[in-house]
């Protein structure tokens, strides 16, 4: 009898190597990374500072290109895309939340969330953006600019922006790093709610062991190698 086929992973990395910097300052960051992440999984990426966690996340998100090896996300091998095609793919398939928010200061909360939707060709971008902001508790703040919002509110805008296109993959790099404990917990709850309600694959870089344990699986890095992916 034929064995059932295995479901395709949401993210598959094979033999990934990456160095950053020029000349004598060039540093080998990722060293032979092999990792499969299943569709709908929640993964915590942990390890000491300098272990390669954030760089690995950027490779998964298509923000850094591997020097060697293959990176397959949502069924597409990222190495075959040029920069424009990669940006379009990322806009449709990958939501990204950074530690430092990365909001556009001259745009309102509504505009910050609507922009990626407009770039993706969504017809009702403003309505979708409004609904996402209401979903993160900012229905009364949609016309405020980032400078008029607290850090926690800015990160809520960033979460709404990441979730608005309904991406297959949601990645977050130390999303609570600039927030107090209570506010950080609220942001994490929003990320996990987005993951659970939408079936989104979540990859979370964190120094917080308790936060990592909320994920279904913890992947540990050290000196550019995966040392545990249980």
N, C-alpha and C. Protein backbone atom coordinates (compact mmCIF):
# COMPACT_ATOMS: atom_id res chain seq x y z
N UNK A 1 0.84 -1.19 0.00
CA UNK A 1 0.00 0.00 0.00
C UNK A 1 0.88 1.24 0.00
N UNK A 2 0.50 2.24 -0.80
CA UNK A 2 1.31 3.46 -0.91
C UNK A 2 1.20 4.28 0.37
N UNK A 3 2.34 4.71 0.88
CA UNK A 3 2.35 5.54 2.10
C UNK A 3 1.74 6.90 1.79
N UNK A 4 0.98 7.46 2.76
CA UNK A 4 0.41 8.79 2.52
C UNK A 4 1.50 9.82 2.38
N UNK A 5 1.32 10.77 1.48
CA UNK A 5 2.32 11.81 1.28
C UNK A 5 2.35 12.75 2.47
N UNK A 6 3.55 13.20 2.81
CA UNK A 6 3.71 14.14 3.92
C UNK A 6 3.29 15.54 3.48
N UNK A 7 2.61 16.28 4.36
CA UNK A 7 2.25 17.64 3.98
C UNK A 7 3.50 18.49 3.76
N UNK A 8 3.41 19.39 2.83
CA UNK A 8 4.55 20.26 2.52
C UNK A 8 4.79 21.22 3.68
N UNK A 9 6.05 21.36 4.13
CA UNK A 9 6.30 22.30 5.23
C UNK A 9 6.04 23.74 4.80
N UNK A 10 5.69 24.58 5.76
CA UNK A 10 5.50 26.01 5.47
C UNK A 10 6.84 26.66 5.16
N UNK A 11 7.88 26.23 5.86
CA UNK A 11 9.24 26.74 5.67
C UNK A 11 10.20 25.57 5.66
N UNK A 12 11.06 25.48 4.65
CA UNK A 12 12.05 24.42 4.59
C UNK A 12 13.41 25.02 4.25
N UNK A 13 14.37 24.83 5.12
CA UNK A 13 15.73 25.31 4.92
C UNK A 13 16.64 24.10 4.78
N UNK A 14 17.50 24.10 3.77
CA UNK A 14 18.42 22.99 3.56
C UNK A 14 19.81 23.53 3.25
N UNK A 15 20.77 23.21 4.12
CA UNK A 15 22.16 23.60 3.90
C UNK A 15 22.38 25.09 3.80
N UNK A 16 21.63 25.86 4.59
CA UNK A 16 21.70 27.31 4.47
C UNK A 16 22.95 27.86 5.17
N UNK A 17 23.73 28.61 4.41
CA UNK A 17 24.90 29.32 4.94
C UNK A 17 24.77 30.79 4.58
N UNK A 18 25.20 31.65 5.49
CA UNK A 18 25.16 33.09 5.23
C UNK A 18 26.28 33.78 5.99
N UNK A 19 27.02 34.61 5.27
CA UNK A 19 28.03 35.46 5.89
C UNK A 19 27.66 36.91 5.64
N UNK A 20 27.98 37.78 6.58
CA UNK A 20 27.68 39.21 6.46
C UNK A 20 28.95 40.01 6.70
N UNK A 21 29.02 41.18 6.05
CA UNK A 21 30.19 42.04 6.17
C UNK A 21 31.12 41.88 4.97
N UNK A 22 32.15 42.71 4.93
CA UNK A 22 33.08 42.73 3.80
C UNK A 22 34.51 42.47 4.26
N UNK A 23 35.28 41.82 3.39
CA UNK A 23 36.71 41.64 3.64
C UNK A 23 37.01 40.96 4.96
N UNK A 24 38.01 41.49 5.70
CA UNK A 24 38.38 40.86 6.97
C UNK A 24 37.26 40.90 8.01
N UNK A 25 36.31 41.83 7.84
CA UNK A 25 35.21 41.94 8.81
C UNK A 25 34.07 40.97 8.51
N UNK A 26 34.19 40.20 7.42
CA UNK A 26 33.12 39.28 7.06
C UNK A 26 32.99 38.17 8.10
N UNK A 27 31.76 37.92 8.54
CA UNK A 27 31.51 36.94 9.60
C UNK A 27 30.53 35.89 9.09
N UNK A 28 30.88 34.63 9.32
CA UNK A 28 30.02 33.50 8.94
C UNK A 28 28.93 33.37 10.02
N UNK A 29 27.69 33.77 9.69
CA UNK A 29 26.62 33.84 10.69
C UNK A 29 25.84 32.53 10.79
N UNK A 30 25.34 32.03 9.65
CA UNK A 30 24.57 30.79 9.63
C UNK A 30 25.39 29.70 8.96
N UNK A 31 25.42 28.52 9.60
CA UNK A 31 26.35 27.47 9.18
C UNK A 31 25.60 26.15 8.98
N UNK A 32 25.25 25.88 7.73
CA UNK A 32 24.63 24.59 7.39
C UNK A 32 23.31 24.35 8.08
N UNK A 33 22.41 25.32 8.01
CA UNK A 33 21.12 25.21 8.70
C UNK A 33 20.17 24.33 7.90
N UNK A 34 19.66 23.28 8.55
CA UNK A 34 18.59 22.43 8.03
C UNK A 34 17.41 22.52 9.00
N UNK A 35 16.25 22.92 8.49
CA UNK A 35 15.10 23.07 9.38
C UNK A 35 13.81 23.03 8.57
N UNK A 36 12.86 22.21 9.00
CA UNK A 36 11.52 22.20 8.43
C UNK A 36 10.52 22.67 9.48
N UNK A 37 9.64 23.59 9.09
CA UNK A 37 8.59 24.10 9.97
C UNK A 37 7.26 23.80 9.31
N UNK A 38 6.41 23.07 10.02
CA UNK A 38 5.13 22.65 9.46
C UNK A 38 4.13 23.79 9.37
N UNK A 39 3.21 23.65 8.45
CA UNK A 39 2.15 24.65 8.30
C UNK A 39 1.34 24.75 9.59
N UNK A 40 1.17 25.97 10.09
CA UNK A 40 0.40 26.19 11.31
C UNK A 40 1.17 26.00 12.59
N UNK A 41 2.45 25.66 12.51
CA UNK A 41 3.26 25.51 13.73
C UNK A 41 3.56 26.87 14.34
N UNK A 42 3.85 26.86 15.64
CA UNK A 42 4.41 28.04 16.33
C UNK A 42 5.78 27.64 16.84
N UNK A 43 6.81 28.35 16.36
CA UNK A 43 8.20 28.01 16.66
C UNK A 43 8.84 29.16 17.44
N UNK A 44 9.52 28.84 18.53
CA UNK A 44 10.32 29.81 19.24
C UNK A 44 11.79 29.63 18.87
N UNK A 45 12.45 30.69 18.39
CA UNK A 45 13.88 30.65 18.08
C UNK A 45 14.63 31.28 19.24
N UNK A 46 15.48 30.51 19.91
CA UNK A 46 16.19 31.02 21.08
C UNK A 46 17.68 30.73 20.94
N UNK A 47 18.46 31.43 21.73
CA UNK A 47 19.91 31.24 21.74
C UNK A 47 20.59 32.50 22.24
N UNK A 48 21.88 32.41 22.55
CA UNK A 48 22.61 33.57 23.05
C UNK A 48 22.67 34.68 22.00
N UNK A 49 22.96 35.90 22.45
CA UNK A 49 23.18 37.00 21.52
C UNK A 49 24.31 36.63 20.56
N UNK A 50 24.10 36.91 19.27
CA UNK A 50 25.10 36.57 18.27
C UNK A 50 25.02 35.15 17.76
N UNK A 51 24.01 34.40 18.19
CA UNK A 51 23.91 32.99 17.75
C UNK A 51 23.32 32.85 16.36
N UNK A 52 22.71 33.94 15.83
CA UNK A 52 22.16 33.89 14.48
C UNK A 52 20.65 33.85 14.41
N UNK A 53 19.98 34.04 15.54
CA UNK A 53 18.51 33.93 15.57
C UNK A 53 17.84 34.92 14.62
N UNK A 54 18.16 36.20 14.79
CA UNK A 54 17.51 37.24 13.99
C UNK A 54 17.87 37.10 12.52
N UNK A 55 19.12 36.73 12.24
CA UNK A 55 19.53 36.54 10.85
C UNK A 55 18.76 35.39 10.22
N UNK A 56 18.58 34.30 10.95
CA UNK A 56 17.81 33.17 10.45
C UNK A 56 16.37 33.60 10.16
N UNK A 57 15.81 34.39 11.05
CA UNK A 57 14.45 34.89 10.83
C UNK A 57 14.38 35.74 9.56
N UNK A 58 15.38 36.59 9.34
CA UNK A 58 15.40 37.44 8.15
C UNK A 58 15.53 36.60 6.87
N UNK A 59 16.26 35.50 6.95
CA UNK A 59 16.37 34.60 5.79
C UNK A 59 15.00 33.97 5.50
N UNK A 60 14.31 33.53 6.55
CA UNK A 60 12.98 32.94 6.36
C UNK A 60 12.00 33.94 5.76
N UNK A 61 12.16 35.21 6.14
CA UNK A 61 11.24 36.25 5.67
C UNK A 61 11.62 36.80 4.30
N UNK A 62 12.76 36.35 3.77
CA UNK A 62 13.20 36.85 2.47
C UNK A 62 13.82 38.23 2.54
N UNK A 63 14.26 38.65 3.72
CA UNK A 63 14.91 39.95 3.88
C UNK A 63 16.43 39.83 3.80
N UNK A 64 16.94 38.63 3.94
CA UNK A 64 18.36 38.33 3.69
C UNK A 64 18.41 37.13 2.77
N UNK A 65 19.37 37.14 1.84
CA UNK A 65 19.53 36.01 0.94
C UNK A 65 20.67 35.11 1.41
N UNK A 66 20.41 33.81 1.42
CA UNK A 66 21.45 32.85 1.79
C UNK A 66 22.56 32.85 0.74
N UNK A 67 23.80 32.63 1.18
CA UNK A 67 24.93 32.47 0.25
C UNK A 67 24.90 31.09 -0.40
N UNK A 68 24.41 30.11 0.35
CA UNK A 68 24.35 28.73 -0.16
C UNK A 68 23.17 28.03 0.51
N UNK A 69 22.69 26.98 -0.15
CA UNK A 69 21.55 26.23 0.37
C UNK A 69 20.25 26.74 -0.21
N UNK A 70 19.15 26.12 0.18
CA UNK A 70 17.84 26.49 -0.34
C UNK A 70 16.91 26.93 0.78
N UNK A 71 16.08 27.93 0.46
CA UNK A 71 15.08 28.46 1.38
C UNK A 71 13.73 28.40 0.66
N UNK A 72 12.85 27.53 1.13
CA UNK A 72 11.54 27.37 0.51
C UNK A 72 10.48 27.82 1.51
N UNK A 73 9.66 28.77 1.09
CA UNK A 73 8.62 29.34 1.94
C UNK A 73 7.30 29.28 1.18
N UNK A 74 6.27 28.74 1.83
CA UNK A 74 4.94 28.62 1.21
C UNK A 74 5.04 27.99 -0.18
N UNK A 75 5.92 26.98 -0.29
CA UNK A 75 6.05 26.24 -1.53
C UNK A 75 6.91 26.87 -2.60
N UNK A 76 7.51 28.03 -2.32
CA UNK A 76 8.32 28.73 -3.32
C UNK A 76 9.78 28.82 -2.86
N UNK A 77 10.71 28.46 -3.77
CA UNK A 77 12.13 28.57 -3.47
C UNK A 77 12.54 30.03 -3.67
N UNK A 78 12.94 30.70 -2.59
CA UNK A 78 13.15 32.14 -2.65
C UNK A 78 14.34 32.54 -3.52
N UNK A 79 15.30 31.65 -3.68
CA UNK A 79 16.49 31.98 -4.46
C UNK A 79 16.20 32.25 -5.93
N UNK A 80 15.06 31.80 -6.42
CA UNK A 80 14.77 32.00 -7.85
C UNK A 80 14.15 33.36 -8.14
N UNK A 81 13.77 34.10 -7.10
CA UNK A 81 13.12 35.40 -7.29
C UNK A 81 14.15 36.51 -7.43
N UNK A 82 13.87 37.49 -8.33
CA UNK A 82 14.64 38.73 -8.28
C UNK A 82 14.08 39.60 -7.15
N UNK A 83 14.69 40.76 -6.92
CA UNK A 83 14.30 41.56 -5.74
C UNK A 83 12.83 42.00 -5.81
N UNK A 84 12.37 42.42 -6.99
CA UNK A 84 10.98 42.87 -7.11
C UNK A 84 10.00 41.73 -6.86
N UNK A 85 10.28 40.58 -7.46
CA UNK A 85 9.40 39.42 -7.28
C UNK A 85 9.41 38.96 -5.82
N UNK A 86 10.59 39.02 -5.20
CA UNK A 86 10.69 38.62 -3.79
C UNK A 86 9.88 39.56 -2.91
N UNK A 87 9.93 40.86 -3.19
CA UNK A 87 9.15 41.83 -2.41
C UNK A 87 7.65 41.56 -2.56
N UNK A 88 7.22 41.25 -3.78
CA UNK A 88 5.80 40.94 -4.00
C UNK A 88 5.39 39.67 -3.26
N UNK A 89 6.25 38.66 -3.33
CA UNK A 89 5.97 37.40 -2.63
C UNK A 89 5.87 37.64 -1.12
N UNK A 90 6.82 38.40 -0.60
CA UNK A 90 6.83 38.69 0.83
C UNK A 90 5.57 39.44 1.24
N UNK A 91 5.15 40.40 0.43
CA UNK A 91 3.95 41.17 0.74
C UNK A 91 2.69 40.33 0.82
N UNK A 92 2.64 39.26 0.02
CA UNK A 92 1.46 38.39 0.01
C UNK A 92 1.51 37.31 1.09
N UNK A 93 2.71 36.86 1.43
CA UNK A 93 2.84 35.62 2.19
C UNK A 93 3.47 35.73 3.57
N UNK A 94 4.18 36.82 3.84
CA UNK A 94 4.95 36.92 5.09
C UNK A 94 4.59 38.21 5.83
N UNK A 95 4.11 38.07 7.05
CA UNK A 95 3.90 39.23 7.93
C UNK A 95 5.07 39.34 8.89
N UNK A 96 5.59 40.56 9.10
CA UNK A 96 6.81 40.75 9.89
C UNK A 96 6.56 41.78 10.99
N UNK A 97 6.93 41.41 12.21
CA UNK A 97 6.86 42.33 13.36
C UNK A 97 8.28 42.48 13.92
N UNK A 98 8.77 43.72 13.96
CA UNK A 98 10.12 44.00 14.44
C UNK A 98 10.08 44.53 15.88
N UNK A 99 11.21 44.48 16.54
CA UNK A 99 11.31 45.02 17.90
C UNK A 99 11.05 46.52 17.91
N UNK A 100 11.53 47.23 16.87
CA UNK A 100 11.48 48.69 16.87
C UNK A 100 10.35 49.25 16.00
N UNK A 101 9.30 48.47 15.80
CA UNK A 101 8.03 48.89 15.19
C UNK A 101 8.11 49.14 13.68
N UNK A 102 9.07 49.97 13.23
CA UNK A 102 9.26 50.25 11.79
C UNK A 102 8.00 50.82 11.15
N UNK A 103 7.32 51.71 11.86
CA UNK A 103 6.19 52.41 11.26
C UNK A 103 6.68 53.63 10.48
N UNK A 104 5.90 54.05 9.50
CA UNK A 104 6.23 55.25 8.72
C UNK A 104 5.72 56.46 9.48
N UNK A 105 6.62 57.35 9.95
CA UNK A 105 6.20 58.41 10.88
C UNK A 105 5.25 59.43 10.29
N UNK A 106 5.26 59.60 8.97
CA UNK A 106 4.40 60.60 8.33
C UNK A 106 3.03 60.04 7.95
N UNK A 107 2.76 58.81 8.34
CA UNK A 107 1.47 58.19 8.03
C UNK A 107 0.72 57.86 9.32
N UNK A 108 -0.59 57.96 9.27
CA UNK A 108 -1.42 57.57 10.41
C UNK A 108 -1.38 56.07 10.60
N UNK A 109 -1.92 55.63 11.74
CA UNK A 109 -2.01 54.19 11.99
C UNK A 109 -2.76 53.50 10.85
N UNK A 110 -3.87 54.09 10.43
CA UNK A 110 -4.66 53.50 9.35
C UNK A 110 -3.84 53.40 8.06
N UNK A 111 -3.12 54.45 7.73
CA UNK A 111 -2.32 54.45 6.51
C UNK A 111 -1.18 53.44 6.60
N UNK A 112 -0.55 53.31 7.77
CA UNK A 112 0.53 52.34 7.94
C UNK A 112 0.05 50.92 7.68
N UNK A 113 -1.16 50.61 8.11
CA UNK A 113 -1.69 49.26 7.92
C UNK A 113 -2.21 49.07 6.49
N UNK A 114 -2.74 50.14 5.89
CA UNK A 114 -3.34 50.03 4.56
C UNK A 114 -2.29 49.92 3.46
N UNK A 115 -1.10 50.52 3.66
CA UNK A 115 -0.09 50.57 2.59
C UNK A 115 0.25 49.18 2.03
N UNK A 116 0.61 48.19 2.87
CA UNK A 116 0.93 46.88 2.28
C UNK A 116 -0.24 46.25 1.56
N UNK A 117 -1.46 46.53 2.02
CA UNK A 117 -2.64 46.00 1.33
C UNK A 117 -2.79 46.65 -0.04
N UNK A 118 -2.57 47.95 -0.10
CA UNK A 118 -2.66 48.66 -1.38
C UNK A 118 -1.59 48.15 -2.34
N UNK A 119 -0.38 47.92 -1.84
CA UNK A 119 0.70 47.40 -2.68
C UNK A 119 0.37 46.01 -3.20
N UNK A 120 -0.42 45.26 -2.42
CA UNK A 120 -0.82 43.91 -2.85
C UNK A 120 -2.05 43.95 -3.75
N UNK A 121 -2.57 45.16 -4.03
CA UNK A 121 -3.70 45.28 -4.93
C UNK A 121 -5.05 44.99 -4.31
N UNK A 122 -5.14 45.07 -2.98
CA UNK A 122 -6.42 44.83 -2.30
C UNK A 122 -7.35 46.02 -2.53
N UNK A 123 -8.58 45.75 -2.96
CA UNK A 123 -9.52 46.83 -3.29
C UNK A 123 -9.98 47.60 -2.07
N UNK A 124 -10.30 46.89 -0.99
CA UNK A 124 -10.87 47.54 0.20
C UNK A 124 -9.80 47.70 1.28
N UNK A 125 -8.63 48.22 0.88
CA UNK A 125 -7.49 48.29 1.80
C UNK A 125 -7.81 49.07 3.06
N UNK A 126 -8.46 50.23 2.94
CA UNK A 126 -8.74 51.05 4.12
C UNK A 126 -9.71 50.35 5.06
N UNK A 127 -10.72 49.70 4.49
CA UNK A 127 -11.69 48.99 5.34
C UNK A 127 -11.02 47.82 6.06
N UNK A 128 -10.17 47.08 5.35
CA UNK A 128 -9.45 45.97 5.97
C UNK A 128 -8.52 46.48 7.06
N UNK A 129 -7.83 47.60 6.78
CA UNK A 129 -6.91 48.17 7.76
C UNK A 129 -7.66 48.61 9.01
N UNK A 130 -8.81 49.24 8.81
CA UNK A 130 -9.62 49.68 9.95
C UNK A 130 -10.03 48.49 10.81
N UNK A 131 -10.47 47.40 10.16
CA UNK A 131 -10.91 46.22 10.89
C UNK A 131 -9.75 45.60 11.67
N UNK A 132 -8.56 45.57 11.08
CA UNK A 132 -7.41 45.00 11.79
C UNK A 132 -7.03 45.86 12.99
N UNK A 133 -7.09 47.17 12.86
CA UNK A 133 -6.78 48.05 13.98
C UNK A 133 -7.82 47.92 15.08
N UNK A 134 -9.07 47.78 14.72
CA UNK A 134 -10.10 47.52 15.73
C UNK A 134 -9.83 46.20 16.44
N UNK A 135 -9.34 45.21 15.67
CA UNK A 135 -9.05 43.90 16.24
C UNK A 135 -7.93 43.90 17.27
N UNK A 136 -7.02 44.88 17.17
CA UNK A 136 -5.94 44.99 18.16
C UNK A 136 -6.23 46.09 19.18
N UNK A 137 -7.47 46.55 19.22
CA UNK A 137 -7.89 47.49 20.25
C UNK A 137 -7.56 48.94 19.99
N UNK A 138 -7.36 49.31 18.71
CA UNK A 138 -6.99 50.69 18.37
C UNK A 138 -8.04 51.38 17.51
N UNK A 139 -9.28 50.97 17.64
CA UNK A 139 -10.34 51.57 16.84
C UNK A 139 -10.47 53.07 17.03
N UNK A 140 -10.08 53.57 18.21
CA UNK A 140 -10.20 55.00 18.50
C UNK A 140 -8.92 55.77 18.13
N UNK A 141 -7.92 55.07 17.63
CA UNK A 141 -6.61 55.71 17.40
C UNK A 141 -6.18 55.65 15.94
N UNK A 142 -7.07 55.32 15.05
CA UNK A 142 -6.67 55.03 13.67
C UNK A 142 -6.10 56.24 12.95
N UNK A 143 -6.49 57.46 13.36
CA UNK A 143 -6.01 58.66 12.67
C UNK A 143 -4.83 59.32 13.38
N UNK A 144 -4.28 58.62 14.39
CA UNK A 144 -3.11 59.13 15.10
C UNK A 144 -1.83 58.72 14.37
N UNK A 145 -0.82 59.60 14.47
CA UNK A 145 0.49 59.30 13.90
C UNK A 145 1.33 58.55 14.93
N UNK A 146 2.37 57.82 14.50
CA UNK A 146 3.17 57.06 15.44
C UNK A 146 3.67 57.86 16.64
N UNK A 147 4.09 59.11 16.42
CA UNK A 147 4.59 59.92 17.52
C UNK A 147 3.52 60.22 18.57
N UNK A 148 2.26 60.08 18.18
CA UNK A 148 1.15 60.32 19.11
C UNK A 148 0.71 59.05 19.84
N UNK A 149 1.39 57.96 19.58
CA UNK A 149 1.03 56.67 20.17
C UNK A 149 2.11 56.20 21.12
N UNK A 150 1.72 55.46 22.14
CA UNK A 150 2.69 54.86 23.06
C UNK A 150 3.43 53.73 22.33
N UNK A 151 4.50 53.23 22.94
CA UNK A 151 5.23 52.12 22.35
C UNK A 151 4.35 50.90 22.13
N UNK A 152 3.52 50.60 23.14
CA UNK A 152 2.62 49.45 23.01
C UNK A 152 1.61 49.64 21.89
N UNK A 153 1.11 50.87 21.76
CA UNK A 153 0.16 51.15 20.67
C UNK A 153 0.83 51.05 19.31
N UNK A 154 2.07 51.54 19.22
CA UNK A 154 2.80 51.42 17.95
C UNK A 154 3.02 49.95 17.58
N UNK A 155 3.33 49.13 18.58
CA UNK A 155 3.53 47.71 18.27
C UNK A 155 2.21 47.04 17.89
N UNK A 156 1.10 47.51 18.44
CA UNK A 156 -0.21 46.99 18.02
C UNK A 156 -0.47 47.33 16.55
N UNK A 157 -0.09 48.54 16.14
CA UNK A 157 -0.22 48.91 14.73
C UNK A 157 0.63 47.97 13.88
N UNK A 158 1.84 47.70 14.35
CA UNK A 158 2.74 46.81 13.60
C UNK A 158 2.16 45.41 13.48
N UNK A 159 1.53 44.92 14.55
CA UNK A 159 0.89 43.60 14.50
C UNK A 159 -0.28 43.62 13.51
N UNK A 160 -1.09 44.67 13.57
CA UNK A 160 -2.21 44.78 12.63
C UNK A 160 -1.71 44.81 11.19
N UNK A 161 -0.63 45.55 10.95
CA UNK A 161 -0.05 45.63 9.60
C UNK A 161 0.44 44.25 9.14
N UNK A 162 1.07 43.50 10.04
CA UNK A 162 1.59 42.18 9.67
C UNK A 162 0.47 41.20 9.36
N UNK A 163 -0.64 41.29 10.10
CA UNK A 163 -1.73 40.34 9.94
C UNK A 163 -2.69 40.70 8.82
N UNK A 164 -2.72 41.98 8.42
CA UNK A 164 -3.74 42.45 7.48
C UNK A 164 -3.80 41.67 6.17
N UNK A 165 -2.67 41.30 5.56
CA UNK A 165 -2.76 40.55 4.29
C UNK A 165 -3.11 39.07 4.48
N UNK A 166 -3.40 38.64 5.74
CA UNK A 166 -3.64 37.22 6.04
C UNK A 166 -2.48 36.35 5.54
N UNK A 167 -1.27 36.63 6.01
CA UNK A 167 -0.10 35.91 5.49
C UNK A 167 -0.08 34.45 5.94
N UNK A 168 0.56 33.62 5.15
CA UNK A 168 0.75 32.23 5.54
C UNK A 168 1.77 32.11 6.68
N UNK A 169 2.72 33.05 6.69
CA UNK A 169 3.83 33.03 7.66
C UNK A 169 3.83 34.35 8.43
N UNK A 170 3.95 34.27 9.75
CA UNK A 170 4.09 35.45 10.60
C UNK A 170 5.39 35.31 11.36
N UNK A 171 6.32 36.27 11.19
CA UNK A 171 7.59 36.22 11.91
C UNK A 171 7.70 37.45 12.80
N UNK A 172 8.27 37.26 13.97
CA UNK A 172 8.38 38.35 14.93
C UNK A 172 9.76 38.29 15.58
N UNK A 173 10.51 39.40 15.52
CA UNK A 173 11.87 39.48 16.04
C UNK A 173 11.87 40.29 17.33
N UNK A 174 11.94 39.60 18.46
CA UNK A 174 11.93 40.25 19.78
C UNK A 174 10.80 41.29 19.86
N UNK A 175 9.56 40.90 19.60
CA UNK A 175 8.48 41.89 19.51
C UNK A 175 8.16 42.61 20.81
N UNK A 176 8.65 42.08 21.95
CA UNK A 176 8.39 42.72 23.24
C UNK A 176 9.63 43.43 23.78
N UNK A 177 10.70 43.48 22.99
CA UNK A 177 11.99 43.98 23.49
C UNK A 177 11.97 45.42 23.95
N UNK A 178 11.11 46.26 23.36
CA UNK A 178 11.05 47.68 23.74
C UNK A 178 9.86 48.01 24.61
N UNK A 179 9.23 47.00 25.19
CA UNK A 179 7.97 47.22 25.92
C UNK A 179 8.10 46.74 27.36
N UNK A 180 7.28 47.34 28.24
CA UNK A 180 7.25 46.84 29.61
C UNK A 180 6.56 45.48 29.64
N UNK A 181 6.66 44.80 30.77
CA UNK A 181 6.21 43.40 30.86
C UNK A 181 4.73 43.24 30.53
N UNK A 182 3.89 44.08 31.11
CA UNK A 182 2.44 43.94 30.89
C UNK A 182 2.08 44.21 29.43
N UNK A 183 2.65 45.28 28.87
CA UNK A 183 2.36 45.62 27.48
C UNK A 183 2.88 44.53 26.55
N UNK A 184 4.07 44.02 26.86
CA UNK A 184 4.64 42.95 26.06
C UNK A 184 3.76 41.72 26.06
N UNK A 185 3.20 41.39 27.21
CA UNK A 185 2.32 40.23 27.30
C UNK A 185 1.08 40.42 26.41
N UNK A 186 0.56 41.63 26.37
CA UNK A 186 -0.61 41.90 25.52
C UNK A 186 -0.27 41.73 24.04
N UNK A 187 0.93 42.19 23.65
CA UNK A 187 1.35 42.05 22.26
C UNK A 187 1.51 40.58 21.89
N UNK A 188 2.10 39.81 22.80
CA UNK A 188 2.28 38.38 22.54
C UNK A 188 0.93 37.69 22.41
N UNK A 189 -0.01 38.06 23.26
CA UNK A 189 -1.36 37.48 23.16
C UNK A 189 -1.97 37.76 21.79
N UNK A 190 -1.76 38.97 21.27
CA UNK A 190 -2.28 39.32 19.94
C UNK A 190 -1.63 38.46 18.85
N UNK A 191 -0.32 38.25 18.96
CA UNK A 191 0.38 37.43 17.97
C UNK A 191 -0.14 35.99 17.99
N UNK A 192 -0.29 35.43 19.19
CA UNK A 192 -0.77 34.06 19.28
C UNK A 192 -2.23 33.94 18.86
N UNK A 193 -3.02 34.97 19.14
CA UNK A 193 -4.42 34.96 18.68
C UNK A 193 -4.47 34.96 17.16
N UNK A 194 -3.62 35.78 16.53
CA UNK A 194 -3.56 35.81 15.07
C UNK A 194 -3.14 34.46 14.51
N UNK A 195 -2.18 33.85 15.15
CA UNK A 195 -1.68 32.53 14.73
C UNK A 195 -2.78 31.47 14.85
N UNK A 196 -3.49 31.48 15.99
CA UNK A 196 -4.45 30.42 16.24
C UNK A 196 -5.73 30.59 15.42
N UNK A 197 -6.22 31.81 15.31
CA UNK A 197 -7.49 32.03 14.59
C UNK A 197 -7.33 31.86 13.09
N UNK A 198 -6.16 32.18 12.56
CA UNK A 198 -5.96 32.17 11.11
C UNK A 198 -5.17 30.97 10.62
N UNK A 199 -4.67 30.16 11.54
CA UNK A 199 -3.85 29.02 11.14
C UNK A 199 -2.51 29.42 10.57
N UNK A 200 -2.06 30.63 10.92
CA UNK A 200 -0.79 31.16 10.41
C UNK A 200 0.39 30.46 11.08
N UNK A 201 1.43 30.17 10.32
CA UNK A 201 2.67 29.66 10.88
C UNK A 201 3.40 30.81 11.56
N UNK A 202 3.77 30.64 12.83
CA UNK A 202 4.39 31.70 13.62
C UNK A 202 5.82 31.31 13.96
N UNK A 203 6.76 32.22 13.67
CA UNK A 203 8.16 32.04 14.07
C UNK A 203 8.56 33.25 14.89
N UNK A 204 8.98 32.99 16.12
CA UNK A 204 9.18 34.05 17.10
C UNK A 204 10.60 33.98 17.65
N UNK A 205 11.38 35.05 17.46
CA UNK A 205 12.70 35.16 18.08
C UNK A 205 12.53 35.84 19.43
N UNK A 206 13.07 35.22 20.48
CA UNK A 206 12.91 35.81 21.80
C UNK A 206 14.05 35.38 22.73
N UNK A 207 14.36 36.26 23.69
CA UNK A 207 15.27 35.90 24.78
C UNK A 207 14.48 35.39 25.99
N UNK A 208 13.16 35.48 25.93
CA UNK A 208 12.28 35.16 27.06
C UNK A 208 11.92 33.67 27.02
N UNK A 209 12.48 32.91 27.95
CA UNK A 209 12.25 31.46 27.96
C UNK A 209 10.78 31.11 28.14
N UNK A 210 10.07 31.88 28.98
CA UNK A 210 8.65 31.60 29.20
C UNK A 210 7.85 31.83 27.93
N UNK A 211 8.21 32.88 27.19
CA UNK A 211 7.52 33.17 25.93
C UNK A 211 7.82 32.07 24.91
N UNK A 212 9.05 31.63 24.83
CA UNK A 212 9.40 30.55 23.89
C UNK A 212 8.60 29.29 24.19
N UNK A 213 8.36 29.03 25.48
CA UNK A 213 7.64 27.82 25.86
C UNK A 213 6.17 27.87 25.45
N UNK A 214 5.64 29.05 25.16
CA UNK A 214 4.27 29.13 24.66
C UNK A 214 4.16 28.57 23.25
N UNK A 215 5.30 28.47 22.56
CA UNK A 215 5.30 27.93 21.20
C UNK A 215 5.23 26.41 21.25
N UNK A 216 4.79 25.83 20.16
CA UNK A 216 4.68 24.37 20.11
C UNK A 216 6.04 23.69 20.06
N UNK A 217 7.06 24.41 19.58
CA UNK A 217 8.40 23.83 19.46
C UNK A 217 9.43 24.93 19.65
N UNK A 218 10.52 24.60 20.29
CA UNK A 218 11.61 25.55 20.51
C UNK A 218 12.84 25.09 19.73
N UNK A 219 13.39 25.99 18.91
CA UNK A 219 14.60 25.71 18.14
C UNK A 219 15.73 26.54 18.74
N UNK A 220 16.80 25.86 19.16
CA UNK A 220 17.91 26.54 19.83
C UNK A 220 19.11 26.66 18.88
N UNK A 221 19.65 27.88 18.83
CA UNK A 221 20.84 28.13 18.02
C UNK A 221 22.03 28.47 18.91
N UNK A 222 23.20 28.10 18.44
CA UNK A 222 24.44 28.51 19.10
C UNK A 222 25.52 28.63 18.03
N UNK A 223 26.14 29.78 17.97
CA UNK A 223 27.24 30.03 17.02
C UNK A 223 26.88 29.66 15.58
N UNK A 224 25.64 29.97 15.19
CA UNK A 224 25.22 29.76 13.81
C UNK A 224 24.75 28.37 13.47
N UNK A 225 24.73 27.47 14.47
CA UNK A 225 24.26 26.11 14.26
C UNK A 225 22.97 25.89 15.04
N UNK A 226 22.09 25.03 14.53
CA UNK A 226 20.95 24.56 15.32
C UNK A 226 21.45 23.43 16.22
N UNK A 227 21.29 23.60 17.52
CA UNK A 227 21.75 22.58 18.47
C UNK A 227 20.60 21.77 19.02
N UNK A 228 19.37 22.24 18.83
CA UNK A 228 18.20 21.48 19.29
C UNK A 228 16.98 22.01 18.55
N UNK A 229 16.20 21.12 17.94
CA UNK A 229 14.99 21.54 17.23
C UNK A 229 13.81 20.67 17.66
N UNK A 230 13.84 20.21 18.92
CA UNK A 230 12.79 19.31 19.40
C UNK A 230 11.46 20.02 19.52
